[in-house]
mmCIF file of all heavy atoms, coordinates in Angstrom:
data_MODEL
# 
_entry.id   MODEL 
# 
loop_
_atom_site.group_PDB 
_atom_site.id 
_atom_site.type_symbol 
_atom_site.label_atom_id 
_atom_site.label_alt_id 
_atom_site.label_comp_id 
_atom_site.label_asym_id 
_atom_site.label_entity_id 
_atom_site.label_seq_id 
_atom_site.pdbx_PDB_ins_code 
_atom_site.Cartn_x 
_atom_site.Cartn_y 
_atom_site.Cartn_z 
_atom_site.occupancy 
_atom_site.B_iso_or_equiv 
_atom_site.pdbx_formal_charge 
_atom_site.auth_seq_id 
_atom_site.auth_comp_id 
_atom_site.auth_asym_id 
_atom_site.auth_atom_id 
_atom_site.pdbx_PDB_model_num 
ATOM 1   N N   . ASP A 1 1  ? -103.022 16.348 -142.784 1.00 0.00 ? 1  ASP A N   1 
ATOM 2   C CA  . ASP A 1 1  ? -101.834 15.844 -142.125 1.00 0.00 ? 1  ASP A CA  1 
ATOM 3   C C   . ASP A 1 1  ? -101.117 16.915 -141.305 1.00 0.00 ? 1  ASP A C   1 
ATOM 4   O O   . ASP A 1 1  ? -99.975  16.718 -140.881 1.00 0.00 ? 1  ASP A O   1 
ATOM 5   C CB  . ASP A 1 1  ? -100.856 15.259 -143.170 1.00 0.00 ? 1  ASP A CB  1 
ATOM 6   C CG  . ASP A 1 1  ? -100.379 16.315 -144.166 1.00 0.00 ? 1  ASP A CG  1 
ATOM 7   O OD1 . ASP A 1 1  ? -100.753 17.505 -144.008 1.00 0.00 ? 1  ASP A OD1 1 
ATOM 8   O OD2 . ASP A 1 1  ? -99.611  15.968 -145.086 1.00 0.00 ? 1  ASP A OD2 1 
ATOM 9   N N   . ALA A 1 2  ? -101.800 18.034 -141.044 1.00 0.00 ? 2  ALA A N   1 
ATOM 10  C CA  . ALA A 1 2  ? -101.146 19.145 -140.345 1.00 0.00 ? 2  ALA A CA  1 
ATOM 11  C C   . ALA A 1 2  ? -101.905 19.511 -139.083 1.00 0.00 ? 2  ALA A C   1 
ATOM 12  O O   . ALA A 1 2  ? -103.133 19.564 -139.056 1.00 0.00 ? 2  ALA A O   1 
ATOM 13  C CB  . ALA A 1 2  ? -101.062 20.372 -141.250 1.00 0.00 ? 2  ALA A CB  1 
ATOM 14  N N   . LEU A 1 3  ? -101.150 19.821 -138.059 1.00 0.00 ? 3  LEU A N   1 
ATOM 15  C CA  . LEU A 1 3  ? -101.706 20.415 -136.849 1.00 0.00 ? 3  LEU A CA  1 
ATOM 16  C C   . LEU A 1 3  ? -101.751 21.904 -137.132 1.00 0.00 ? 3  LEU A C   1 
ATOM 17  O O   . LEU A 1 3  ? -100.722 22.594 -137.151 1.00 0.00 ? 3  LEU A O   1 
ATOM 18  C CB  . LEU A 1 3  ? -100.807 20.123 -135.657 1.00 0.00 ? 3  LEU A CB  1 
ATOM 19  C CG  . LEU A 1 3  ? -101.370 20.331 -134.258 1.00 0.00 ? 3  LEU A CG  1 
ATOM 20  C CD1 . LEU A 1 3  ? -102.572 19.417 -134.029 1.00 0.00 ? 3  LEU A CD1 1 
ATOM 21  C CD2 . LEU A 1 3  ? -100.309 20.122 -133.211 1.00 0.00 ? 3  LEU A CD2 1 
ATOM 22  N N   . SER A 1 4  ? -102.952 22.438 -137.395 1.00 0.00 ? 4  SER A N   1 
ATOM 23  C CA  . SER A 1 4  ? -103.077 23.810 -137.868 1.00 0.00 ? 4  SER A CA  1 
ATOM 24  C C   . SER A 1 4  ? -103.226 24.815 -136.730 1.00 0.00 ? 4  SER A C   1 
ATOM 25  O O   . SER A 1 4  ? -102.894 25.995 -136.903 1.00 0.00 ? 4  SER A O   1 
ATOM 26  C CB  . SER A 1 4  ? -104.271 23.925 -138.849 1.00 0.00 ? 4  SER A CB  1 
ATOM 27  O OG  . SER A 1 4  ? -105.480 23.549 -138.186 1.00 0.00 ? 4  SER A OG  1 
ATOM 28  N N   . GLN A 1 5  ? -103.752 24.415 -135.613 1.00 0.00 ? 5  GLN A N   1 
ATOM 29  C CA  . GLN A 1 5  ? -103.922 25.293 -134.462 1.00 0.00 ? 5  GLN A CA  1 
ATOM 30  C C   . GLN A 1 5  ? -103.679 24.527 -133.199 1.00 0.00 ? 5  GLN A C   1 
ATOM 31  O O   . GLN A 1 5  ? -103.974 23.346 -133.100 1.00 0.00 ? 5  GLN A O   1 
ATOM 32  C CB  . GLN A 1 5  ? -105.351 25.911 -134.452 1.00 0.00 ? 5  GLN A CB  1 
ATOM 33  C CG  . GLN A 1 5  ? -105.672 26.762 -135.630 1.00 0.00 ? 5  GLN A CG  1 
ATOM 34  C CD  . GLN A 1 5  ? -107.126 27.228 -135.587 1.00 0.00 ? 5  GLN A CD  1 
ATOM 35  O OE1 . GLN A 1 5  ? -107.707 27.392 -134.523 1.00 0.00 ? 5  GLN A OE1 1 
ATOM 36  N NE2 . GLN A 1 5  ? -107.698 27.450 -136.774 1.00 0.00 ? 5  GLN A NE2 1 
ATOM 37  N N   . ALA A 1 6  ? -103.178 25.231 -132.199 1.00 0.00 ? 6  ALA A N   1 
ATOM 38  C CA  . ALA A 1 6  ? -103.018 24.673 -130.843 1.00 0.00 ? 6  ALA A CA  1 
ATOM 39  C C   . ALA A 1 6  ? -103.197 25.796 -129.854 1.00 0.00 ? 6  ALA A C   1 
ATOM 40  O O   . ALA A 1 6  ? -102.580 26.860 -129.990 1.00 0.00 ? 6  ALA A O   1 
ATOM 41  C CB  . ALA A 1 6  ? -101.648 24.030 -130.685 1.00 0.00 ? 6  ALA A CB  1 
ATOM 42  N N   . ASP A 1 7  ? -104.102 25.592 -128.922 1.00 0.00 ? 7  ASP A N   1 
ATOM 43  C CA  . ASP A 1 7  ? -104.347 26.583 -127.876 1.00 0.00 ? 7  ASP A CA  1 
ATOM 44  C C   . ASP A 1 7  ? -104.367 25.832 -126.535 1.00 0.00 ? 7  ASP A C   1 
ATOM 45  O O   . ASP A 1 7  ? -105.304 25.056 -126.284 1.00 0.00 ? 7  ASP A O   1 
ATOM 46  C CB  . ASP A 1 7  ? -105.662 27.292 -128.113 1.00 0.00 ? 7  ASP A CB  1 
ATOM 47  C CG  . ASP A 1 7  ? -105.850 28.525 -127.234 1.00 0.00 ? 7  ASP A CG  1 
ATOM 48  O OD1 . ASP A 1 7  ? -106.076 28.317 -126.028 1.00 0.00 ? 7  ASP A OD1 1 
ATOM 49  O OD2 . ASP A 1 7  ? -105.687 29.626 -127.740 1.00 0.00 ? 7  ASP A OD2 1 
ATOM 50  N N   . VAL A 1 8  ? -103.353 26.058 -125.706 1.00 0.00 ? 8  VAL A N   1 
ATOM 51  C CA  . VAL A 1 8  ? -103.162 25.225 -124.537 1.00 0.00 ? 8  VAL A CA  1 
ATOM 52  C C   . VAL A 1 8  ? -102.899 26.095 -123.293 1.00 0.00 ? 8  VAL A C   1 
ATOM 53  O O   . VAL A 1 8  ? -102.104 27.047 -123.357 1.00 0.00 ? 8  VAL A O   1 
ATOM 54  C CB  . VAL A 1 8  ? -101.946 24.257 -124.729 1.00 0.00 ? 8  VAL A CB  1 
ATOM 55  C CG1 . VAL A 1 8  ? -101.741 23.389 -123.491 1.00 0.00 ? 8  VAL A CG1 1 
ATOM 56  C CG2 . VAL A 1 8  ? -102.153 23.389 -125.953 1.00 0.00 ? 8  VAL A CG2 1 
ATOM 57  N N   . ASN A 1 9  ? -103.605 25.769 -122.209 1.00 0.00 ? 9  ASN A N   1 
ATOM 58  C CA  . ASN A 1 9  ? -103.317 26.324 -120.887 1.00 0.00 ? 9  ASN A CA  1 
ATOM 59  C C   . ASN A 1 9  ? -102.730 25.217 -120.048 1.00 0.00 ? 9  ASN A C   1 
ATOM 60  O O   . ASN A 1 9  ? -103.342 24.159 -119.886 1.00 0.00 ? 9  ASN A O   1 
ATOM 61  C CB  . ASN A 1 9  ? -104.592 26.865 -120.250 1.00 0.00 ? 9  ASN A CB  1 
ATOM 62  C CG  . ASN A 1 9  ? -105.124 28.083 -120.963 1.00 0.00 ? 9  ASN A CG  1 
ATOM 63  O OD1 . ASN A 1 9  ? -104.548 29.150 -120.934 1.00 0.00 ? 9  ASN A OD1 1 
ATOM 64  N ND2 . ASN A 1 9  ? -106.253 27.897 -121.652 1.00 0.00 ? 9  ASN A ND2 1 
ATOM 65  N N   . LEU A 1 10 ? -101.539 25.467 -119.491 1.00 0.00 ? 10 LEU A N   1 
ATOM 66  C CA  . LEU A 1 10 ? -100.806 24.416 -118.817 1.00 0.00 ? 10 LEU A CA  1 
ATOM 67  C C   . LEU A 1 10 ? -100.367 24.882 -117.430 1.00 0.00 ? 10 LEU A C   1 
ATOM 68  O O   . LEU A 1 10 ? -99.797  25.963 -117.269 1.00 0.00 ? 10 LEU A O   1 
ATOM 69  C CB  . LEU A 1 10 ? -99.557  24.025 -119.655 1.00 0.00 ? 10 LEU A CB  1 
ATOM 70  C CG  . LEU A 1 10 ? -98.647  22.956 -119.084 1.00 0.00 ? 10 LEU A CG  1 
ATOM 71  C CD1 . LEU A 1 10 ? -99.358  21.612 -119.052 1.00 0.00 ? 10 LEU A CD1 1 
ATOM 72  C CD2 . LEU A 1 10 ? -97.385  22.856 -119.964 1.00 0.00 ? 10 LEU A CD2 1 
ATOM 73  N N   . LYS A 1 11 ? -100.657 24.057 -116.436 1.00 0.00 ? 11 LYS A N   1 
ATOM 74  C CA  . LYS A 1 11 ? -100.157 24.314 -115.069 1.00 0.00 ? 11 LYS A CA  1 
ATOM 75  C C   . LYS A 1 11 ? -98.979  23.367 -114.827 1.00 0.00 ? 11 LYS A C   1 
ATOM 76  O O   . LYS A 1 11 ? -99.126  22.177 -114.788 1.00 0.00 ? 11 LYS A O   1 
ATOM 77  C CB  . LYS A 1 11 ? -101.258 24.043 -114.027 1.00 0.00 ? 11 LYS A CB  1 
ATOM 78  C CG  . LYS A 1 11 ? -100.848 24.343 -112.610 1.00 0.00 ? 11 LYS A CG  1 
ATOM 79  C CD  . LYS A 1 11 ? -101.846 23.813 -111.601 1.00 0.00 ? 11 LYS A CD  1 
ATOM 80  C CE  . LYS A 1 11 ? -103.147 24.575 -111.690 1.00 0.00 ? 11 LYS A CE  1 
ATOM 81  N NZ  . LYS A 1 11 ? -104.108 24.109 -110.612 1.00 0.00 ? 11 LYS A NZ  1 
ATOM 82  N N   . MET A 1 12 ? -97.799  23.991 -114.677 1.00 0.00 ? 12 MET A N   1 
ATOM 83  C CA  . MET A 1 12 ? -96.615  23.181 -114.484 1.00 0.00 ? 12 MET A CA  1 
ATOM 84  C C   . MET A 1 12 ? -96.631  22.510 -113.108 1.00 0.00 ? 12 MET A C   1 
ATOM 85  O O   . MET A 1 12 ? -96.803  23.192 -112.077 1.00 0.00 ? 12 MET A O   1 
ATOM 86  C CB  . MET A 1 12 ? -95.355  24.033 -114.645 1.00 0.00 ? 12 MET A CB  1 
ATOM 87  C CG  . MET A 1 12 ? -95.194  24.639 -116.037 1.00 0.00 ? 12 MET A CG  1 
ATOM 88  S SD  . MET A 1 12 ? -95.330  23.398 -117.358 1.00 0.00 ? 12 MET A SD  1 
ATOM 89  C CE  . MET A 1 12 ? -93.990  22.267 -116.930 1.00 0.00 ? 12 MET A CE  1 
ATOM 90  N N   . PRO A 1 13 ? -96.472  21.194 -113.030 1.00 0.00 ? 13 PRO A N   1 
ATOM 91  C CA  . PRO A 1 13 ? -96.569  20.499 -111.748 1.00 0.00 ? 13 PRO A CA  1 
ATOM 92  C C   . PRO A 1 13 ? -95.525  20.912 -110.738 1.00 0.00 ? 13 PRO A C   1 
ATOM 93  O O   . PRO A 1 13 ? -95.765  20.852 -109.549 1.00 0.00 ? 13 PRO A O   1 
ATOM 94  C CB  . PRO A 1 13 ? -96.381  19.037 -112.168 1.00 0.00 ? 13 PRO A CB  1 
ATOM 95  C CG  . PRO A 1 13 ? -96.694  18.979 -113.619 1.00 0.00 ? 13 PRO A CG  1 
ATOM 96  C CD  . PRO A 1 13 ? -96.286  20.302 -114.158 1.00 0.00 ? 13 PRO A CD  1 
ATOM 97  N N   . ARG A 1 14 ? -94.382  21.359 -111.222 1.00 0.00 ? 14 ARG A N   1 
ATOM 98  C CA  . ARG A 1 14 ? -93.283  21.607 -110.291 1.00 0.00 ? 14 ARG A CA  1 
ATOM 99  C C   . ARG A 1 14 ? -93.526  22.861 -109.419 1.00 0.00 ? 14 ARG A C   1 
ATOM 100 O O   . ARG A 1 14 ? -93.217  22.864 -108.241 1.00 0.00 ? 14 ARG A O   1 
ATOM 101 C CB  . ARG A 1 14 ? -91.965  21.732 -111.063 1.00 0.00 ? 14 ARG A CB  1 
ATOM 102 C CG  . ARG A 1 14 ? -90.722  21.767 -110.186 1.00 0.00 ? 14 ARG A CG  1 
ATOM 103 C CD  . ARG A 1 14 ? -89.475  21.661 -111.028 1.00 0.00 ? 14 ARG A CD  1 
ATOM 104 N NE  . ARG A 1 14 ? -88.291  21.552 -110.183 1.00 0.00 ? 14 ARG A NE  1 
ATOM 105 C CZ  . ARG A 1 14 ? -87.062  21.405 -110.657 1.00 0.00 ? 14 ARG A CZ  1 
ATOM 106 N NH1 . ARG A 1 14 ? -86.872  21.348 -111.978 1.00 0.00 ? 14 ARG A NH1 1 
ATOM 107 N NH2 . ARG A 1 14 ? -86.030  21.314 -109.851 1.00 0.00 ? 14 ARG A NH2 1 
ATOM 108 N N   . ASN A 1 15 ? -94.052  23.914 -110.022 1.00 0.00 ? 15 ASN A N   1 
ATOM 109 C CA  . ASN A 1 15 ? -94.221  25.166 -109.285 1.00 0.00 ? 15 ASN A CA  1 
ATOM 110 C C   . ASN A 1 15 ? -95.616  25.778 -109.441 1.00 0.00 ? 15 ASN A C   1 
ATOM 111 O O   . ASN A 1 15 ? -95.859  26.915 -109.035 1.00 0.00 ? 15 ASN A O   1 
ATOM 112 C CB  . ASN A 1 15 ? -93.162  26.202 -109.752 1.00 0.00 ? 15 ASN A CB  1 
ATOM 113 C CG  . ASN A 1 15 ? -93.189  26.397 -111.254 1.00 0.00 ? 15 ASN A CG  1 
ATOM 114 O OD1 . ASN A 1 15 ? -94.134  26.001 -111.948 1.00 0.00 ? 15 ASN A OD1 1 
ATOM 115 N ND2 . ASN A 1 15 ? -92.145  27.037 -111.801 1.00 0.00 ? 15 ASN A ND2 1 
ATOM 116 N N   . ASN A 1 16 ? -96.542  25.029 -110.054 1.00 0.00 ? 16 ASN A N   1 
ATOM 117 C CA  . ASN A 1 16 ? -97.908  25.485 -110.284 1.00 0.00 ? 16 ASN A CA  1 
ATOM 118 C C   . ASN A 1 16 ? -97.967  26.765 -111.142 1.00 0.00 ? 16 ASN A C   1 
ATOM 119 O O   . ASN A 1 16 ? -98.984  27.469 -111.132 1.00 0.00 ? 16 ASN A O   1 
ATOM 120 C CB  . ASN A 1 16 ? -98.638  25.737 -108.950 1.00 0.00 ? 16 ASN A CB  1 
ATOM 121 C CG  . ASN A 1 16 ? -99.043  24.437 -108.303 1.00 0.00 ? 16 ASN A CG  1 
ATOM 122 O OD1 . ASN A 1 16 ? -99.312  23.451 -108.955 1.00 0.00 ? 16 ASN A OD1 1 
ATOM 123 N ND2 . ASN A 1 16 ? -99.067  24.447 -106.971 1.00 0.00 ? 16 ASN A ND2 1 
ATOM 124 N N   . GLN A 1 17 ? -96.920  27.046 -111.914 1.00 0.00 ? 17 GLN A N   1 
ATOM 125 C CA  . GLN A 1 17 ? -96.924  28.200 -112.816 1.00 0.00 ? 17 GLN A CA  1 
ATOM 126 C C   . GLN A 1 17 ? -97.944  27.952 -113.953 1.00 0.00 ? 17 GLN A C   1 
ATOM 127 O O   . GLN A 1 17 ? -98.020  26.842 -114.505 1.00 0.00 ? 17 GLN A O   1 
ATOM 128 C CB  . GLN A 1 17 ? -95.539  28.399 -113.421 1.00 0.00 ? 17 GLN A CB  1 
ATOM 129 C CG  . GLN A 1 17 ? -95.450  29.585 -114.413 1.00 0.00 ? 17 GLN A CG  1 
ATOM 130 C CD  . GLN A 1 17 ? -94.110  29.660 -115.084 1.00 0.00 ? 17 GLN A CD  1 
ATOM 131 O OE1 . GLN A 1 17 ? -93.258  28.795 -114.892 1.00 0.00 ? 17 GLN A OE1 1 
ATOM 132 N NE2 . GLN A 1 17 ? -93.912  30.725 -115.851 1.00 0.00 ? 17 GLN A NE2 1 
ATOM 133 N N   . LEU A 1 18 ? -98.754  28.965 -114.235 1.00 0.00 ? 18 LEU A N   1 
ATOM 134 C CA  . LEU A 1 18 ? -99.747  28.843 -115.311 1.00 0.00 ? 18 LEU A CA  1 
ATOM 135 C C   . LEU A 1 18 ? -99.171  29.391 -116.597 1.00 0.00 ? 18 LEU A C   1 
ATOM 136 O O   . LEU A 1 18 ? -98.668  30.514 -116.659 1.00 0.00 ? 18 LEU A O   1 
ATOM 137 C CB  . LEU A 1 18 ? -101.007 29.631 -114.929 1.00 0.00 ? 18 LEU A CB  1 
ATOM 138 C CG  . LEU A 1 18 ? -101.799 29.100 -113.755 1.00 0.00 ? 18 LEU A CG  1 
ATOM 139 C CD1 . LEU A 1 18 ? -102.964 30.003 -113.415 1.00 0.00 ? 18 LEU A CD1 1 
ATOM 140 C CD2 . LEU A 1 18 ? -102.335 27.681 -114.036 1.00 0.00 ? 18 LEU A CD2 1 
ATOM 141 N N   . LEU A 1 19 ? -99.263  28.592 -117.674 1.00 0.00 ? 19 LEU A N   1 
ATOM 142 C CA  . LEU A 1 19 ? -98.732  28.989 -118.963 1.00 0.00 ? 19 LEU A CA  1 
ATOM 143 C C   . LEU A 1 19 ? -99.851  28.881 -119.995 1.00 0.00 ? 19 LEU A C   1 
ATOM 144 O O   . LEU A 1 19 ? -100.673 27.976 -119.961 1.00 0.00 ? 19 LEU A O   1 
ATOM 145 C CB  . LEU A 1 19 ? -97.580  28.069 -119.406 1.00 0.00 ? 19 LEU A CB  1 
ATOM 146 C CG  . LEU A 1 19 ? -96.317  28.034 -118.547 1.00 0.00 ? 19 LEU A CG  1 
ATOM 147 C CD1 . LEU A 1 19 ? -95.355  27.008 -119.115 1.00 0.00 ? 19 LEU A CD1 1 
ATOM 148 C CD2 . LEU A 1 19 ? -95.656  29.394 -118.478 1.00 0.00 ? 19 LEU A CD2 1 
ATOM 149 N N   . HIS A 1 20 ? -99.872  29.827 -120.913 1.00 0.00 ? 20 HIS A N   1 
ATOM 150 C CA  . HIS A 1 20 ? -100.784 29.781 -122.040 1.00 0.00 ? 20 HIS A CA  1 
ATOM 151 C C   . HIS A 1 20 ? -99.952  29.910 -123.314 1.00 0.00 ? 20 HIS A C   1 
ATOM 152 O O   . HIS A 1 20 ? -99.136  30.841 -123.438 1.00 0.00 ? 20 HIS A O   1 
ATOM 153 C CB  . HIS A 1 20 ? -101.834 30.885 -122.006 1.00 0.00 ? 20 HIS A CB  1 
ATOM 154 C CG  . HIS A 1 20 ? -102.660 30.937 -123.271 1.00 0.00 ? 20 HIS A CG  1 
ATOM 155 N ND1 . HIS A 1 20 ? -102.399 31.817 -124.300 1.00 0.00 ? 20 HIS A ND1 1 
ATOM 156 C CD2 . HIS A 1 20 ? -103.723 30.174 -123.687 1.00 0.00 ? 20 HIS A CD2 1 
ATOM 157 C CE1 . HIS A 1 20 ? -103.258 31.627 -125.267 1.00 0.00 ? 20 HIS A CE1 1 
ATOM 158 N NE2 . HIS A 1 20 ? -104.085 30.643 -124.935 1.00 0.00 ? 20 HIS A NE2 1 
ATOM 159 N N   . PHE A 1 21 ? -100.112 28.985 -124.218 1.00 0.00 ? 21 PHE A N   1 
ATOM 160 C CA  . PHE A 1 21 ? -99.394  29.094 -125.481 1.00 0.00 ? 21 PHE A CA  1 
ATOM 161 C C   . PHE A 1 21 ? -100.251 28.591 -126.619 1.00 0.00 ? 21 PHE A C   1 
ATOM 162 O O   . PHE A 1 21 ? -101.105 27.721 -126.441 1.00 0.00 ? 21 PHE A O   1 
ATOM 163 C CB  . PHE A 1 21 ? -98.046  28.351 -125.431 1.00 0.00 ? 21 PHE A CB  1 
ATOM 164 C CG  . PHE A 1 21 ? -98.080  26.942 -124.971 1.00 0.00 ? 21 PHE A CG  1 
ATOM 165 C CD1 . PHE A 1 21 ? -98.241  25.894 -125.874 1.00 0.00 ? 21 PHE A CD1 1 
ATOM 166 C CD2 . PHE A 1 21 ? -97.963  26.641 -123.608 1.00 0.00 ? 21 PHE A CD2 1 
ATOM 167 C CE1 . PHE A 1 21 ? -98.284  24.586 -125.420 1.00 0.00 ? 21 PHE A CE1 1 
ATOM 168 C CE2 . PHE A 1 21 ? -97.990  25.320 -123.177 1.00 0.00 ? 21 PHE A CE2 1 
ATOM 169 C CZ  . PHE A 1 21 ? -98.148  24.290 -124.079 1.00 0.00 ? 21 PHE A CZ  1 
ATOM 170 N N   . ALA A 1 22 ? -100.040 29.181 -127.791 1.00 0.00 ? 22 ALA A N   1 
ATOM 171 C CA  . ALA A 1 22 ? -100.827 28.870 -128.992 1.00 0.00 ? 22 ALA A CA  1 
ATOM 172 C C   . ALA A 1 22 ? -99.905  28.925 -130.192 1.00 0.00 ? 22 ALA A C   1 
ATOM 173 O O   . ALA A 1 22 ? -98.856  29.551 -130.168 1.00 0.00 ? 22 ALA A O   1 
ATOM 174 C CB  . ALA A 1 22 ? -102.012 29.822 -129.146 1.00 0.00 ? 22 ALA A CB  1 
ATOM 175 N N   . PHE A 1 23 ? -100.325 28.256 -131.274 1.00 0.00 ? 23 PHE A N   1 
ATOM 176 C CA  . PHE A 1 23 ? -99.545  28.327 -132.504 1.00 0.00 ? 23 PHE A CA  1 
ATOM 177 C C   . PHE A 1 23 ? -99.572  29.750 -133.064 1.00 0.00 ? 23 PHE A C   1 
ATOM 178 O O   . PHE A 1 23 ? -100.587 30.462 -132.970 1.00 0.00 ? 23 PHE A O   1 
ATOM 179 C CB  . PHE A 1 23 ? -100.150 27.417 -133.579 1.00 0.00 ? 23 PHE A CB  1 
ATOM 180 C CG  . PHE A 1 23 ? -99.590  26.014 -133.562 1.00 0.00 ? 23 PHE A CG  1 
ATOM 181 C CD1 . PHE A 1 23 ? -98.712  25.598 -132.582 1.00 0.00 ? 23 PHE A CD1 1 
ATOM 182 C CD2 . PHE A 1 23 ? -99.955  25.125 -134.544 1.00 0.00 ? 23 PHE A CD2 1 
ATOM 183 C CE1 . PHE A 1 23 ? -98.188  24.323 -132.570 1.00 0.00 ? 23 PHE A CE1 1 
ATOM 184 C CE2 . PHE A 1 23 ? -99.443  23.826 -134.549 1.00 0.00 ? 23 PHE A CE2 1 
ATOM 185 C CZ  . PHE A 1 23 ? -98.568  23.427 -133.552 1.00 0.00 ? 23 PHE A CZ  1 
ATOM 186 N N   . ARG A 1 24 ? -98.457  30.147 -133.615 1.00 0.00 ? 24 ARG A N   1 
ATOM 187 C CA  . ARG A 1 24 ? -98.438  31.398 -134.354 1.00 0.00 ? 24 ARG A CA  1 
ATOM 188 C C   . ARG A 1 24 ? -99.376  31.250 -135.570 1.00 0.00 ? 24 ARG A C   1 
ATOM 189 O O   . ARG A 1 24 ? -99.514  30.175 -136.136 1.00 0.00 ? 24 ARG A O   1 
ATOM 190 C CB  . ARG A 1 24 ? -97.022  31.691 -134.851 1.00 0.00 ? 24 ARG A CB  1 
ATOM 191 C CG  . ARG A 1 24 ? -96.071  32.067 -133.728 1.00 0.00 ? 24 ARG A CG  1 
ATOM 192 C CD  . ARG A 1 24 ? -94.619  32.003 -134.154 1.00 0.00 ? 24 ARG A CD  1 
ATOM 193 N NE  . ARG A 1 24 ? -94.400  32.637 -135.454 1.00 0.00 ? 24 ARG A NE  1 
ATOM 194 C CZ  . ARG A 1 24 ? -93.196  32.650 -136.066 1.00 0.00 ? 24 ARG A CZ  1 
ATOM 195 N NH1 . ARG A 1 24 ? -92.169  32.008 -135.516 1.00 0.00 ? 24 ARG A NH1 1 
ATOM 196 N NH2 . ARG A 1 24 ? -93.047  33.239 -137.236 1.00 0.00 ? 24 ARG A NH2 1 
ATOM 197 N N   . GLU A 1 25 ? -100.019 32.334 -135.968 1.00 0.00 ? 25 GLU A N   1 
ATOM 198 C CA  . GLU A 1 25 ? -101.020 32.284 -137.028 1.00 0.00 ? 25 GLU A CA  1 
ATOM 199 C C   . GLU A 1 25 ? -100.435 31.816 -138.369 1.00 0.00 ? 25 GLU A C   1 
ATOM 200 O O   . GLU A 1 25 ? -101.171 31.277 -139.210 1.00 0.00 ? 25 GLU A O   1 
ATOM 201 C CB  . GLU A 1 25 ? -101.690 33.657 -137.191 1.00 0.00 ? 25 GLU A CB  1 
ATOM 202 C CG  . GLU A 1 25 ? -102.549 34.064 -136.005 1.00 0.00 ? 25 GLU A CG  1 
ATOM 203 C CD  . GLU A 1 25 ? -103.250 35.380 -136.234 1.00 0.00 ? 25 GLU A CD  1 
ATOM 204 O OE1 . GLU A 1 25 ? -103.055 35.963 -137.333 1.00 0.00 ? 25 GLU A OE1 1 
ATOM 205 O OE2 . GLU A 1 25 ? -104.022 35.796 -135.347 1.00 0.00 ? 25 GLU A OE2 1 
ATOM 206 N N   . ASP A 1 26 ? -99.151  32.054 -138.569 1.00 0.00 ? 26 ASP A N   1 
ATOM 207 C CA  . ASP A 1 26 ? -98.535  31.702 -139.853 1.00 0.00 ? 26 ASP A CA  1 
ATOM 208 C C   . ASP A 1 26 ? -97.881  30.305 -139.860 1.00 0.00 ? 26 ASP A C   1 
ATOM 209 O O   . ASP A 1 26 ? -97.168  29.944 -140.756 1.00 0.00 ? 26 ASP A O   1 
ATOM 210 C CB  . ASP A 1 26 ? -97.442  32.752 -140.217 1.00 0.00 ? 26 ASP A CB  1 
ATOM 211 C CG  . ASP A 1 26 ? -96.330  32.807 -139.175 1.00 0.00 ? 26 ASP A CG  1 
ATOM 212 O OD1 . ASP A 1 26 ? -96.591  32.504 -137.990 1.00 0.00 ? 26 ASP A OD1 1 
ATOM 213 O OD2 . ASP A 1 26 ? -95.215  33.191 -139.560 1.00 0.00 ? 26 ASP A OD2 1 
ATOM 214 N N   . LYS A 1 27 ? -98.180  29.512 -138.809 1.00 0.00 ? 27 LYS A N   1 
ATOM 215 C CA  . LYS A 1 27 ? -97.474  28.241 -138.673 1.00 0.00 ? 27 LYS A CA  1 
ATOM 216 C C   . LYS A 1 27 ? -98.443  27.052 -138.656 1.00 0.00 ? 27 LYS A C   1 
ATOM 217 O O   . LYS A 1 27 ? -99.584  27.143 -138.172 1.00 0.00 ? 27 LYS A O   1 
ATOM 218 C CB  . LYS A 1 27 ? -96.683  28.188 -137.355 1.00 0.00 ? 27 LYS A CB  1 
ATOM 219 C CG  . LYS A 1 27 ? -95.521  29.183 -137.284 1.00 0.00 ? 27 LYS A CG  1 
ATOM 220 C CD  . LYS A 1 27 ? -94.404  28.795 -138.267 1.00 0.00 ? 27 LYS A CD  1 
ATOM 221 C CE  . LYS A 1 27 ? -93.204  29.715 -138.165 1.00 0.00 ? 27 LYS A CE  1 
ATOM 222 N NZ  . LYS A 1 27 ? -92.129  29.340 -139.116 1.00 0.00 ? 27 LYS A NZ  1 
# 
């Protein structure tokens, strides 16, 4: 019942800024 990991690369539509974010290892 838990989302244990998330690794996402996101291009923001407004300014095409590239973002990478992931879950902290302890979360």
